[in-house]
Protein backbone atom coordinates (compact mmCIF):
# COMPACT_ATOMS: atom_id res chain seq x y z
CA UNK A 1 -19.50 111.38 46.27
CA UNK A 2 -18.65 114.66 47.97
CA UNK A 3 -16.88 117.27 45.86
CA UNK A 4 -14.28 119.47 47.51
CA UNK A 5 -12.81 122.81 46.52
CA UNK A 6 -9.14 123.17 45.63
CA UNK A 7 -8.15 124.43 49.07
CA UNK A 8 -9.92 121.56 50.80
CA UNK A 9 -8.26 119.04 48.47
CA UNK A 10 -4.90 120.69 49.21
CA UNK A 11 -5.67 120.45 52.95
CA UNK A 12 -6.47 116.73 52.68
CA UNK A 13 -3.40 116.11 50.49
CA UNK A 14 -1.11 117.89 52.96
CA UNK A 15 -2.38 115.71 55.80
CA UNK A 16 -1.37 112.60 53.86
CA UNK A 17 1.87 114.01 52.46
CA UNK A 18 3.27 115.48 55.69
CA UNK A 19 1.64 113.21 58.26
CA UNK A 20 5.00 111.88 59.50
CA UNK A 21 6.51 115.37 59.74
CA UNK A 22 3.74 117.27 61.49
CA UNK A 23 3.88 117.94 65.23
CA UNK A 24 1.23 115.92 67.10
CA UNK A 25 -0.84 119.03 67.94
CA UNK A 26 -1.19 120.06 64.29
CA UNK A 27 -1.92 116.51 63.22
CA UNK A 28 -4.60 116.12 65.89
CA UNK A 29 -6.25 119.42 64.91
CA UNK A 30 -6.05 118.54 61.20
CA UNK A 31 -7.71 115.18 61.86
CA UNK A 32 -10.58 116.98 63.64
CA UNK A 33 -11.18 119.25 60.65
CA UNK A 34 -10.77 116.31 58.25
CA UNK A 35 -13.51 114.41 60.11
CA UNK A 36 -15.80 117.41 59.86
CA UNK A 37 -15.10 117.74 56.13
CA UNK A 38 -15.68 114.08 55.36
CA UNK A 39 -18.55 113.32 57.76
CA UNK A 40 -20.75 116.42 57.52
CA UNK A 41 -21.88 117.24 54.01
CA UNK A 42 -23.28 120.66 54.86
CA UNK A 43 -21.95 121.88 58.21
CA UNK A 44 -24.24 124.20 60.12
CA UNK A 45 -23.18 127.04 62.41
CA UNK A 46 -23.46 124.76 65.44
CA UNK A 47 -21.09 122.23 63.83
CA UNK A 48 -18.52 124.94 63.15
CA UNK A 49 -18.85 126.34 66.67
CA UNK A 50 -18.33 122.86 68.19
CA UNK A 51 -15.24 122.35 66.03
CA UNK A 52 -13.83 125.75 67.00
CA UNK A 53 -14.41 125.03 70.69
CA UNK A 54 -12.67 121.67 70.34
CA UNK A 55 -9.70 123.32 68.58
CA UNK A 56 -9.43 125.88 71.40
CA UNK A 57 -9.49 123.05 73.93
CA UNK A 58 -6.76 121.16 72.06
CA UNK A 59 -4.54 124.22 71.75
CA UNK A 60 -5.02 125.41 75.30
CA UNK A 61 -3.26 128.75 74.88
CA UNK A 62 -1.26 130.74 72.39
CA UNK A 63 2.04 129.64 74.00
CA UNK A 64 1.41 126.08 72.86
CA UNK A 65 0.73 127.14 69.28
CA UNK A 66 3.79 129.43 69.24
CA UNK A 67 5.88 126.50 70.49
CA UNK A 68 4.69 124.40 67.54
CA UNK A 69 4.27 126.95 64.76
CA UNK A 70 6.71 129.65 65.79
CA UNK A 71 5.87 133.32 65.69
CA UNK A 72 6.02 133.46 61.90
CA UNK A 73 4.40 130.24 60.78
CA UNK A 74 7.53 128.20 60.17
CA UNK A 75 5.38 125.16 59.31
CA UNK A 76 2.85 126.88 57.05
CA UNK A 77 4.25 125.37 53.86
CA UNK A 78 3.72 121.87 55.26
CA UNK A 79 0.84 122.52 57.63
CA UNK A 80 -2.56 121.40 56.33
CA UNK A 81 -4.11 124.62 57.64
CA UNK A 82 -1.70 126.55 55.41
CA UNK A 83 -3.78 125.34 52.46
CA UNK A 84 -6.31 127.99 53.41
CA UNK A 85 -3.86 130.91 53.66
CA UNK A 86 -4.72 133.77 51.31
CA UNK A 87 -2.31 134.07 48.40
CA UNK A 88 0.51 136.48 49.12
CA UNK A 89 0.68 135.55 52.82
CA UNK A 90 3.53 133.10 53.47
CA UNK A 91 2.69 132.54 57.14
CA UNK A 92 0.14 132.97 59.89
CA UNK A 93 0.97 134.13 63.39
CA UNK A 94 -0.64 135.67 66.50
CA UNK A 95 -0.26 139.09 64.85
CA UNK A 96 -1.44 137.78 61.48
CA UNK A 97 -4.19 135.22 62.27
CA UNK A 98 -4.88 133.78 58.85
CA UNK A 99 -5.25 130.07 59.53
CA UNK A 100 -7.93 128.30 61.55
CA UNK A 101 -5.83 127.53 64.67
CA UNK A 102 -4.72 131.17 65.03
CA UNK A 103 -8.18 132.50 64.18
CA UNK A 104 -9.93 130.47 66.91
CA UNK A 105 -7.40 131.69 69.48
CA UNK A 106 -7.26 135.31 68.36
CA UNK A 107 -10.98 135.80 67.78
CA UNK A 108 -12.70 133.63 70.40
CA UNK A 109 -15.77 135.86 70.18
CA UNK A 110 -16.28 134.56 66.62
CA UNK A 111 -17.79 131.42 68.17
CA UNK A 112 -20.65 133.40 69.66
CA UNK A 113 -23.10 134.53 67.02
CA UNK A 114 -26.06 136.70 67.91
CA UNK A 115 -29.39 135.00 67.45
CA UNK A 116 -31.10 136.18 64.29
CA UNK A 117 -34.50 137.74 64.80
């Protein structure tokens, strides 16, 4: 049996609890991360990079995420990705990229890691 941290358990609980209330985009992205969590016991860098690329593809552009999340994370309290927000931060946004969807859009260069020598 795989053991999850508190934030990951909160993420999985939020998917179940708010499934009927989440916009389709957030639900689709959450399901992608849920699959990665449940299917890959020890994700490698390549797994994370593939997931980030798929999230970027799903989102398309920041306008789509703003349309769903608003500019100040109006869904963060329900959103599964809000489970990973640092304490003291009530929302994530383009100016405050604290959740995975905003991070992959705001820092696309994070997907490219230099080869270690």
